[in-house]
C-alpha atoms as a PDB file:
ATOM      1  CA  MET A   1       9.634   0.900 -16.404  1.00  0.00           C
ATOM      2  CA  THR A   2       8.983  -2.069 -14.375  1.00  0.00           C
ATOM      3  CA  ILE A   3      10.009  -5.069 -12.266  1.00  0.00           C
ATOM      4  CA  ILE A   4       9.429  -8.651 -13.647  1.00  0.00           C
ATOM      5  CA  ILE A   5      10.501 -11.612 -11.590  1.00  0.00           C
ATOM      6  CA  GLY A   6      10.573 -15.362 -12.501  1.00  0.00           C
ATOM      7  CA  ILE A   7      10.946 -18.301 -10.275  1.00  0.00           C
ATOM      8  CA  LYS A   8      11.095 -21.988 -11.205  1.00  0.00           C
ATOM      9  CA  CYS A   9       9.372 -23.709  -8.454  1.00  0.00           C
ATOM     10  CA  THR A  10       8.867 -27.442  -8.018  1.00  0.00           C
ATOM     11  CA  THR A  11       5.372 -27.266  -9.221  1.00  0.00           C
ATOM     12  CA  GLY A  12       5.467 -24.610 -11.911  1.00  0.00           C
ATOM     13  CA  ILE A  13       7.261 -21.399 -12.937  1.00  0.00           C
ATOM     14  CA  LEU A  14       6.105 -18.291 -11.343  1.00  0.00           C
ATOM     15  CA  VAL A  15       6.250 -14.932 -13.240  1.00  0.00           C
ATOM     16  CA  ALA A  16       5.126 -11.757 -11.303  1.00  0.00           C
ATOM     17  CA  CYS A  17       5.475  -8.129 -11.983  1.00  0.00           C
ATOM     18  CA  ASP A  18       4.054  -4.589 -11.295  1.00  0.00           C
ATOM     19  CA  SER A  19       1.718  -2.563 -13.629  1.00  0.00           C
ATOM     20  CA  ARG A  20       3.327   0.847 -13.967  1.00  0.00           C
ATOM     21  CA  THR A  21       4.126   2.378 -17.308  1.00  0.00           C
ATOM     22  CA  THR A  22       5.626   5.804 -17.732  1.00  0.00           C
ATOM     23  CA  HIS A  23       5.014   7.509 -21.094  1.00  0.00           C
ATOM     24  CA  PRO A  24       7.577   9.649 -22.732  1.00  0.00           C
ATOM     25  CA  LEU A  25       5.562  12.902 -21.900  1.00  0.00           C
ATOM     26  CA  GLY A  26       5.442  11.852 -18.184  1.00  0.00           C
ATOM     27  CA  TYR A  27       2.084  10.360 -17.989  1.00  0.00           C
ATOM     28  CA  ILE A  28       1.931   7.307 -15.581  1.00  0.00           C
ATOM     29  CA  ASP A  29      -0.348   4.374 -16.195  1.00  0.00           C
ATOM     30  CA  ASP A  30      -0.633   2.254 -13.297  1.00  0.00           C
ATOM     31  CA  ASN A  31      -2.959  -0.496 -15.020  1.00  0.00           C
ATOM     32  CA  ALA A  32      -0.645  -1.760 -17.701  1.00  0.00           C
ATOM     33  CA  ALA A  33      -1.036  -5.364 -18.854  1.00  0.00           C
ATOM     34  CA  LYS A  34       2.582  -6.738 -18.829  1.00  0.00           C
ATOM     35  CA  LEU A  35       1.884 -10.493 -18.557  1.00  0.00           C
ATOM     36  CA  HIS A  36       0.562 -12.236 -21.790  1.00  0.00           C
ATOM     37  CA  ILE A  37      -0.346 -15.752 -22.537  1.00  0.00           C
ATOM     38  CA  VAL A  38       1.323 -17.285 -25.632  1.00  0.00           C
ATOM     39  CA  GLU A  39      -0.434 -20.030 -27.199  1.00  0.00           C
ATOM     40  CA  PHE A  40       1.053 -22.556 -29.672  1.00  0.00           C
ATOM     41  CA  GLN A  41      -0.701 -24.418 -32.445  1.00  0.00           C
ATOM     42  CA  ASP A  42      -0.215 -27.726 -30.465  1.00  0.00           C
ATOM     43  CA  GLY A  43      -2.198 -26.533 -27.457  1.00  0.00           C
ATOM     44  CA  ASN A  44       0.783 -25.680 -25.323  1.00  0.00           C
ATOM     45  CA  SER A  45       1.189 -22.327 -23.861  1.00  0.00           C
ATOM     46  CA  GLY A  46       3.694 -20.154 -22.046  1.00  0.00           C
ATOM     47  CA  ILE A  47       4.133 -16.713 -20.515  1.00  0.00           C
ATOM     48  CA  VAL A  48       5.799 -13.598 -22.077  1.00  0.00           C
ATOM     49  CA  ALA A  49       6.236 -10.429 -19.778  1.00  0.00           C
ATOM     50  CA  GLU A  50       7.550  -7.077 -21.097  1.00  0.00           C
ATOM     51  CA  ALA A  51       9.473  -4.216 -19.340  1.00  0.00           C
ATOM     52  CA  GLY A  52      11.011  -1.105 -20.740  1.00  0.00           C
ATOM     53  CA  ASN A  53       9.804   0.990 -23.702  1.00  0.00           C
ATOM     54  CA  ALA A  54       6.062  -0.009 -23.819  1.00  0.00           C
ATOM     55  CA  GLU A  55       5.317   1.049 -27.310  1.00  0.00           C
ATOM     56  CA  TYR A  56       7.986  -0.942 -28.796  1.00  0.00           C
ATOM     57  CA  SER A  57       7.695  -3.911 -26.522  1.00  0.00           C
ATOM     58  CA  SER A  58       3.988  -4.267 -27.076  1.00  0.00           C
ATOM     59  CA  ILE A  59       4.775  -4.685 -30.856  1.00  0.00           C
ATOM     60  CA  ALA A  60       7.337  -7.324 -30.168  1.00  0.00           C
ATOM     61  CA  VAL A  61       4.841  -9.139 -27.939  1.00  0.00           C
ATOM     62  CA  GLU A  62       2.188  -8.912 -30.594  1.00  0.00           C
ATOM     63  CA  ASN A  63       4.609 -10.282 -33.268  1.00  0.00           C
ATOM     64  CA  LEU A  64       5.747 -13.037 -30.893  1.00  0.00           C
ATOM     65  CA  ILE A  65       2.106 -14.079 -30.231  1.00  0.00           C
ATOM     66  CA  ARG A  66       1.262 -14.194 -33.733  1.00  0.00           C
ATOM     67  CA  SER A  67       4.074 -16.300 -34.798  1.00  0.00           C
ATOM     68  CA  ALA A  68       3.588 -18.975 -32.064  1.00  0.00           C
ATOM     69  CA  LYS A  69      -0.067 -19.627 -33.176  1.00  0.00           C
ATOM     70  CA  THR A  70       1.413 -21.219 -36.335  1.00  0.00           C
ATOM     71  CA  LYS A  71       4.148 -23.226 -34.432  1.00  0.00           C
ATOM     72  CA  THR A  72       4.600 -25.928 -32.044  1.00  0.00           C
ATOM     73  CA  ILE A  73       6.808 -26.210 -28.676  1.00  0.00           C
ATOM     74  CA  SER A  74       9.084 -28.664 -30.455  1.00  0.00           C
ATOM     75  CA  ASP A  75      12.274 -27.630 -28.966  1.00  0.00           C
ATOM     76  CA  TYR A  76      13.359 -26.012 -25.653  1.00  0.00           C
ATOM     77  CA  ARG A  77      14.049 -22.829 -27.674  1.00  0.00           C
ATOM     78  CA  SER A  78      10.645 -22.700 -29.618  1.00  0.00           C
ATOM     79  CA  MET A  79       9.477 -19.593 -27.764  1.00  0.00           C
ATOM     80  CA  ALA A  80      12.841 -17.933 -27.739  1.00  0.00           C
ATOM     81  CA  GLU A  81      12.969 -18.447 -31.536  1.00  0.00           C
ATOM     82  CA  CYS A  82       9.528 -16.798 -31.821  1.00  0.00           C
ATOM     83  CA  ALA A  83      11.105 -13.853 -29.789  1.00  0.00           C
ATOM     84  CA  ASP A  84      14.020 -13.642 -31.821  1.00  0.00           C
ATOM     85  CA  SER A  85      12.089 -13.464 -35.118  1.00  0.00           C
ATOM     86  CA  ALA A  86       9.811 -10.825 -33.659  1.00  0.00           C
ATOM     87  CA  ILE A  87      12.630  -8.704 -32.583  1.00  0.00           C
ATOM     88  CA  GLY A  88      14.545  -9.336 -35.870  1.00  0.00           C
ATOM     89  CA  GLU A  89      11.596  -7.992 -37.736  1.00  0.00           C
ATOM     90  CA  MET A  90      11.312  -4.944 -35.634  1.00  0.00           C
ATOM     91  CA  LYS A  91      14.871  -4.096 -36.197  1.00  0.00           C
ATOM     92  CA  ARG A  92      14.563  -4.528 -40.086  1.00  0.00           C
ATOM     93  CA  LYS A  93      11.444  -2.279 -40.081  1.00  0.00           C
ATOM     94  CA  ILE A  94      13.393   0.372 -37.879  1.00  0.00           C
ATOM     95  CA  ARG A  95      16.327   0.280 -40.329  1.00  0.00           C
ATOM     96  CA  ASP A  96      14.112   0.626 -43.293  1.00  0.00           C
ATOM     97  CA  GLN A  97      12.313   3.634 -41.729  1.00  0.00           C
ATOM     98  CA  ASN A  98      15.812   5.284 -41.036  1.00  0.00           C
ATOM     99  CA  ALA A  99      17.471   4.389 -44.458  1.00  0.00           C
ATOM    100  CA  GLY A 100      20.726   6.296 -44.450  1.00  0.00           C
ATOM    101  CA  ALA A 101      21.294   6.342 -40.870  1.00  0.00           C
ATOM    102  CA  SER A 102      24.679   5.336 -39.552  1.00  0.00           C
ATOM    103  CA  ALA A 103      25.408   2.096 -37.388  1.00  0.00           C
ATOM    104  CA  GLU A 104      25.802   4.632 -34.494  1.00  0.00           C
ATOM    105  CA  GLU A 105      22.677   6.323 -35.077  1.00  0.00           C
ATOM    106  CA  LEU A 106      20.761   3.047 -35.374  1.00  0.00           C
ATOM    107  CA  ARG A 107      22.121   1.912 -32.392  1.00  0.00           C
ATOM    108  CA  LYS A 108      21.088   5.093 -30.529  1.00  0.00           C
ATOM    109  CA  ILE A 109      17.568   4.430 -31.772  1.00  0.00           C
ATOM    110  CA  PHE A 110      17.418   1.009 -30.380  1.00  0.00           C
ATOM    111  CA  GLU A 111      18.912   2.151 -27.046  1.00  0.00           C
ATOM    112  CA  ASP A 112      16.343   4.964 -26.657  1.00  0.00           C
ATOM    113  CA  HIS A 113      13.394   2.398 -27.347  1.00  0.00           C
ATOM    114  CA  ASP A 114      15.126  -0.489 -25.642  1.00  0.00           C
ATOM    115  CA  PHE A 115      12.802  -3.030 -23.788  1.00  0.00           C
ATOM    116  CA  GLU A 116      13.074  -6.608 -22.200  1.00  0.00           C
ATOM    117  CA  LEU A 117      11.186  -9.607 -22.441  1.00  0.00           C
ATOM    118  CA  MET A 118      10.833 -12.591 -20.220  1.00  0.00           C
ATOM    119  CA  MET A 119       9.403 -15.918 -21.316  1.00  0.00           C
ATOM    120  CA  ALA A 120       8.586 -18.981 -19.446  1.00  0.00           C
ATOM    121  CA  HIS A 121       7.320 -22.413 -20.549  1.00  0.00           C
ATOM    122  CA  TYR A 122       7.890 -26.193 -20.230  1.00  0.00           C
ATOM    123  CA  PHE A 123       9.401 -28.462 -22.507  1.00  0.00           C
ATOM    124  CA  ASN A 124       9.673 -32.375 -21.933  1.00  0.00           C
ATOM    125  CA  GLY A 125       9.097 -31.802 -18.117  1.00  0.00           C
ATOM    126  CA  VAL A 126      11.882 -29.105 -17.823  1.00  0.00           C
ATOM    127  CA  PRO A 127      10.970 -25.463 -16.751  1.00  0.00           C
ATOM    128  CA  TYR A 128      12.692 -22.869 -18.862  1.00  0.00           C
ATOM    129  CA  ILE A 129      13.085 -19.121 -18.365  1.00  0.00           C
ATOM    130  CA  PHE A 130      14.374 -16.982 -21.404  1.00  0.00           C
ATOM    131  CA  THR A 131      15.155 -13.176 -21.422  1.00  0.00           C
ATOM    132  CA  THR A 132      15.822 -10.978 -24.391  1.00  0.00           C
ATOM    133  CA  SER A 133      15.957  -7.237 -25.231  1.00  0.00           C
ATOM    134  CA  LEU A 134      15.664  -4.962 -28.332  1.00  0.00           C
ATOM    135  CA  VAL A 135      19.359  -3.983 -28.142  1.00  0.00           C
ATOM    136  CA  GLY A 136      20.545  -7.490 -27.489  1.00  0.00           C
ATOM    137  CA  GLY A 137      18.138  -9.245 -29.917  1.00  0.00           C
ATOM    138  CA  LEU A 138      18.819 -12.803 -29.110  1.00  0.00           C
ATOM    139  CA  ALA A 139      17.039 -14.721 -26.229  1.00  0.00           C
ATOM    140  CA  SER A 140      19.267 -16.271 -23.622  1.00  0.00           C
ATOM    141  CA  LYS A 141      18.348 -19.133 -21.366  1.00  0.00           C
ATOM    142  CA  GLY A 142      18.528 -18.506 -17.580  1.00  0.00           C
ATOM    143  CA  ASP A 143      20.255 -21.405 -15.878  1.00  0.00           C
ATOM    144  CA  HIS A 144      19.329 -20.380 -12.449  1.00  0.00           C
ATOM    145  CA  LEU A 145      16.076 -20.929 -10.385  1.00  0.00           C
ATOM    146  CA  TYR A 146      15.472 -17.241 -10.267  1.00  0.00           C
ATOM    147  CA  ALA A 147      15.635 -14.213 -12.742  1.00  0.00           C
ATOM    148  CA  ALA A 148      14.516 -10.760 -12.760  1.00  0.00           C
ATOM    149  CA  ILE A 149      14.464  -7.812 -15.366  1.00  0.00           C
ATOM    150  CA  GLY A 150      13.442  -4.236 -15.456  1.00  0.00           C
ATOM    151  CA  CYS A 151      14.555  -1.279 -13.661  1.00  0.00           C
ATOM    152  CA  GLY A 152      14.165  -2.820 -10.272  1.00  0.00           C
ATOM    153  CA  TRP A 153      16.122  -5.976 -10.825  1.00  0.00           C
ATOM    154  CA  ILE A 154      18.990  -4.901  -8.401  1.00  0.00           C
ATOM    155  CA  LEU A 155      16.387  -4.671  -5.498  1.00  0.00           C
ATOM    156  CA  SER A 156      14.931  -7.848  -6.482  1.00  0.00           C
ATOM    157  CA  ASP A 157      18.268  -9.590  -6.485  1.00  0.00           C
ATOM    158  CA  PHE A 158      19.061  -8.263  -3.149  1.00  0.00           C
ATOM    159  CA  LEU A 159      15.700  -9.394  -1.737  1.00  0.00           C
ATOM    160  CA  ILE A 160      15.331 -13.032  -3.291  1.00  0.00           C
ATOM    161  CA  SER A 161      18.829 -14.183  -4.288  1.00  0.00           C
ATOM    162  CA  ARG A 162      19.489 -14.661  -0.508  1.00  0.00           C
ATOM    163  CA  LEU A 163      16.523 -17.250  -0.547  1.00  0.00           C
ATOM    164  CA  ASP A 164      16.719 -20.954  -1.290  1.00  0.00           C
ATOM    165  CA  VAL A 165      14.148 -21.241  -3.759  1.00  0.00           C
ATOM    166  CA  SER A 166      14.911 -24.839  -4.819  1.00  0.00           C
ATOM    167  CA  GLU A 167      12.190 -26.335  -2.427  1.00  0.00           C
ATOM    168  CA  PHE A 168       9.500 -23.497  -3.155  1.00  0.00           C
ATOM    169  CA  GLY A 169       6.044 -24.605  -4.554  1.00  0.00           C
ATOM    170  CA  THR A 170       4.233 -21.833  -6.578  1.00  0.00           C
ATOM    171  CA  GLY A 171       2.425 -20.802  -3.451  1.00  0.00           C
ATOM    172  CA  GLN A 172       5.797 -19.891  -1.858  1.00  0.00           C
ATOM    173  CA  GLY A 173       7.000 -18.523  -5.122  1.00  0.00           C
ATOM    174  CA  ILE A 174       4.022 -16.215  -5.385  1.00  0.00           C
ATOM    175  CA  TRP A 175       4.596 -14.756  -1.836  1.00  0.00           C
ATOM    176  CA  ALA A 176       8.347 -14.326  -2.290  1.00  0.00           C
ATOM    177  CA  ALA A 177       7.885 -12.439  -5.634  1.00  0.00           C
ATOM    178  CA  VAL A 178       4.891 -10.330  -4.482  1.00  0.00           C
ATOM    179  CA  TYR A 179       6.791  -9.341  -1.356  1.00  0.00           C
ATOM    180  CA  ALA A 180       9.691  -8.503  -3.227  1.00  0.00           C
ATOM    181  CA  ILE A 181       7.742  -6.312  -5.738  1.00  0.00           C
ATOM    182  CA  GLU A 182       5.826  -4.437  -2.904  1.00  0.00           C
ATOM    183  CA  GLU A 183       8.907  -3.633  -1.295  1.00  0.00           C
ATOM    184  CA  ILE A 184      10.647  -2.361  -4.654  1.00  0.00           C
ATOM    185  CA  LYS A 185       7.543  -0.300  -5.226  1.00  0.00           C
ATOM    186  CA  ARG A 186       8.220   1.717  -2.011  1.00  0.00           C
ATOM    187  CA  PHE A 187      11.718   2.517  -2.851  1.00  0.00           C
ATOM    188  CA  ASP A 188      11.571   3.042  -6.738  1.00  0.00           C
ATOM    189  CA  ASN A 189       8.748   5.182  -8.100  1.00  0.00           C
ATOM    190  CA  ARG A 190       9.416   3.924 -11.634  1.00  0.00           C
ATOM    191  CA  CYS A 191       7.567   0.687 -10.225  1.00  0.00           C
ATOM    192  CA  GLY A 192       3.924   0.795  -9.210  1.00  0.00           C
ATOM    193  CA  GLY A 193       0.387  -0.167  -9.836  1.00  0.00           C
ATOM    194  CA  ARG A 194      -1.239  -3.521  -9.106  1.00  0.00           C
ATOM    195  CA  THR A 195       1.131  -6.533  -8.683  1.00  0.00           C
ATOM    196  CA  ARG A 196       0.091  -9.301 -10.902  1.00  0.00           C
ATOM    197  CA  ALA A 197       1.355 -12.989 -11.664  1.00  0.00           C
ATOM    198  CA  ALA A 198       1.136 -15.887 -13.720  1.00  0.00           C
ATOM    199  CA  ILE A 199       1.982 -19.581 -13.421  1.00  0.00           C
ATOM    200  CA  VAL A 200       3.214 -21.934 -16.150  1.00  0.00           C
ATOM    201  CA  SER A 201       2.695 -25.692 -15.023  1.00  0.00           C
ATOM    202  CA  GLU A 202       2.731 -29.108 -16.614  1.00  0.00           C
ATOM    203  CA  PRO A 203      -0.582 -30.563 -15.810  1.00  0.00           C
ATOM    204  CA  ASP A 204       0.253 -33.656 -18.040  1.00  0.00           C
ATOM    205  CA  PRO A 205       3.602 -35.263 -19.324  1.00  0.00           C
ATOM    206  CA  GLY A 206       4.857 -32.932 -22.323  1.00  0.00           C
ATOM    207  CA  LYS A 207       2.240 -30.360 -21.612  1.00  0.00           C
ATOM    208  CA  SER A 208       3.004 -26.549 -20.907  1.00  0.00           C
ATOM    209  CA  GLN A 209      -0.048 -24.585 -19.708  1.00  0.00           C
ATOM    210  CA  ALA A 210      -0.120 -20.942 -18.555  1.00  0.00           C
ATOM    211  CA  VAL A 211      -2.669 -19.062 -16.489  1.00  0.00           C
ATOM    212  CA  ILE A 212      -2.665 -15.433 -15.194  1.00  0.00           C
ATOM    213  CA  CYS A 213      -3.762 -15.287 -11.752  1.00  0.00           C
ATOM    214  CA  ALA A 214      -7.034 -13.464 -10.921  1.00  0.00           C
ATOM    215  CA  ASP A 215      -6.591  -9.998  -9.208  1.00  0.00           C
ATOM    216  CA  TYR A 216      -8.928 -11.046  -6.448  1.00  0.00           C
ATOM    217  CA  ALA A 217      -6.732 -13.804  -5.600  1.00  0.00           C
ATOM    218  CA  MET A 218      -3.528 -11.714  -5.860  1.00  0.00           C
ATOM    219  CA  GLN A 219      -5.020  -9.202  -3.595  1.00  0.00           C
ATOM    220  CA  GLN A 220      -4.981 -11.664  -0.610  1.00  0.00           C
ATOM    221  CA  VAL A 221      -1.381 -12.402  -1.206  1.00  0.00           C
ATOM    222  CA  ILE A 222      -0.660  -8.619  -1.385  1.00  0.00           C
ATOM    223  CA  ASP A 223      -2.337  -8.055   1.823  1.00  0.00           C
ATOM    224  CA  GLU A 224      -0.483 -10.742   3.598  1.00  0.00           C
ATOM    225  CA  THR A 225       2.993  -9.642   2.379  1.00  0.00           C
ATOM    226  CA  LEU A 226       2.291  -5.973   3.378  1.00  0.00           C
ATOM    227  CA  ALA A 227       1.181  -7.106   6.841  1.00  0.00           C
ATOM    228  CA  PHE A 228       4.541  -9.211   6.986  1.00  0.00           C
ATOM    229  CA  SER A 229       6.396  -6.139   5.843  1.00  0.00           C
ATOM    230  CA  ARG A 230       4.989  -3.994   8.784  1.00  0.00           C
ATOM    231  CA  GLU A 231       5.453  -6.728  11.267  1.00  0.00           C
ATOM    232  CA  SER A 232       9.098  -7.603  10.252  1.00  0.00           C
ATOM    233  CA  ALA A 233       9.996  -3.834  10.251  1.00  0.00           C
ATOM    234  CA  GLU A 234       8.729  -3.537  13.753  1.00  0.00           C
ATOM    235  CA  GLN A 235      10.651  -6.656  14.853  1.00  0.00           C
ATOM    236  CA  TRP A 236      13.734  -5.551  13.256  1.00  0.00           C
ATOM    237  CA  LYS A 237      13.497  -2.149  15.190  1.00  0.00           C
ATOM    238  CA  GLN A 238      12.829  -3.933  18.422  1.00  0.00           C
ATOM    239  CA  THR A 239      15.815  -6.323  17.833  1.00  0.00           C
ATOM    240  CA  ILE A 240      18.203  -3.154  16.985  1.00  0.00           C
ATOM    241  CA  GLU A 241      17.174  -1.468  20.184  1.00  0.00           C
ATOM    242  CA  THR A 242      17.743  -4.506  22.285  1.00  0.00           C
ATOM    243  CA  ARG A 243      21.189  -5.329  20.752  1.00  0.00           C
ATOM    244  CA  ILE A 244      22.109  -1.551  21.380  1.00  0.00           C
ATOM    245  CA  ARG A 245      20.971  -1.840  25.135  1.00  0.00           C
ATOM    246  CA  MET A 246      22.967  -5.006  25.380  1.00  0.00           C
ATOM    247  CA  ALA A 247      26.021  -3.478  23.894  1.00  0.00           C
ATOM    248  CA  ILE A 248      25.799  -0.495  26.076  1.00  0.00           C
ATOM    249  CA  ALA A 249      25.347  -2.739  29.248  1.00  0.00           C
ATOM    250  CA  ARG A 250      28.435  -4.925  28.514  1.00  0.00           C
ATOM    251  CA  GLY A 251      30.414  -1.621  27.999  1.00  0.00           C
ATOM    252  CA  LEU A 252      29.406  -0.460  31.410  1.00  0.00           C
ATOM    253  CA  GLN A 253      30.190  -3.669  33.020  1.00  0.00           C
ATOM    254  CA  SER A 254      33.400  -4.046  31.403  1.00  0.00           C
ATOM    255  CA  PRO A 255      34.889  -0.960  30.437  1.00  0.00           C
ATOM    256  CA  PRO A 256      38.058  -0.989  28.381  1.00  0.00           C
ATOM    257  CA  ASP A 257      41.541  -0.913  29.992  1.00  0.00           C
ATOM    258  CA  SER A 258      43.026   2.525  30.339  1.00  0.00           C
ATOM    259  CA  HIS A 259      46.636   3.131  29.766  1.00  0.00           C
ATOM    260  CA  GLN A 260      48.622   5.596  31.898  1.00  0.00           C
END
């Protein structure tokens, strides 16, 4: 399982994630690579991030990347169509391998091996984030500035959806996403490992370029967000204590009217 966060910033698209994968037998891998650069034939590139069943999602990502190499970003759904084809191909193979299975049995197989993908790229100066899954099968466009997938998406919504990200640059976007992921890792043990991030920008008109941030640079952001988390927790504790003392003082000075 995992948490993946995407934010459309004023200077690029930020995609961040954790690095934990739990295998069916219970083995935990905290160094899983969940962010991948997708390169198109015309030199454009984007990011795809994977969550859920790692075995099946890695196959879908491999198929998506292979498909993109022979295509161009000629439409805002170019990467989404590569994902649709990759997942469609997987479903056909699963059906072939389970010939004779009922529709309900096939659906159970899909659900037991379900995964999600988040894709990010630019087209004609517009940032796009798409999400899809094995069960769903068709990529949907995110119309908001923020999106999250994976088991930690609810906590992510709680932490980020309250923020006005409309004026965020990628620096602010990374900080907000890393803070959310580090907090989520504290409360959901299905998420863990190193927090990683990627940025998709438009260095030239009509160009989409993706890069995965170096771990050493990410560590600085992680350290800062952890320090902020500790400081804010202490400030929150002090604020609560102050408010309680003020409430008690007001109660002592103005006791409620008593009725005989």
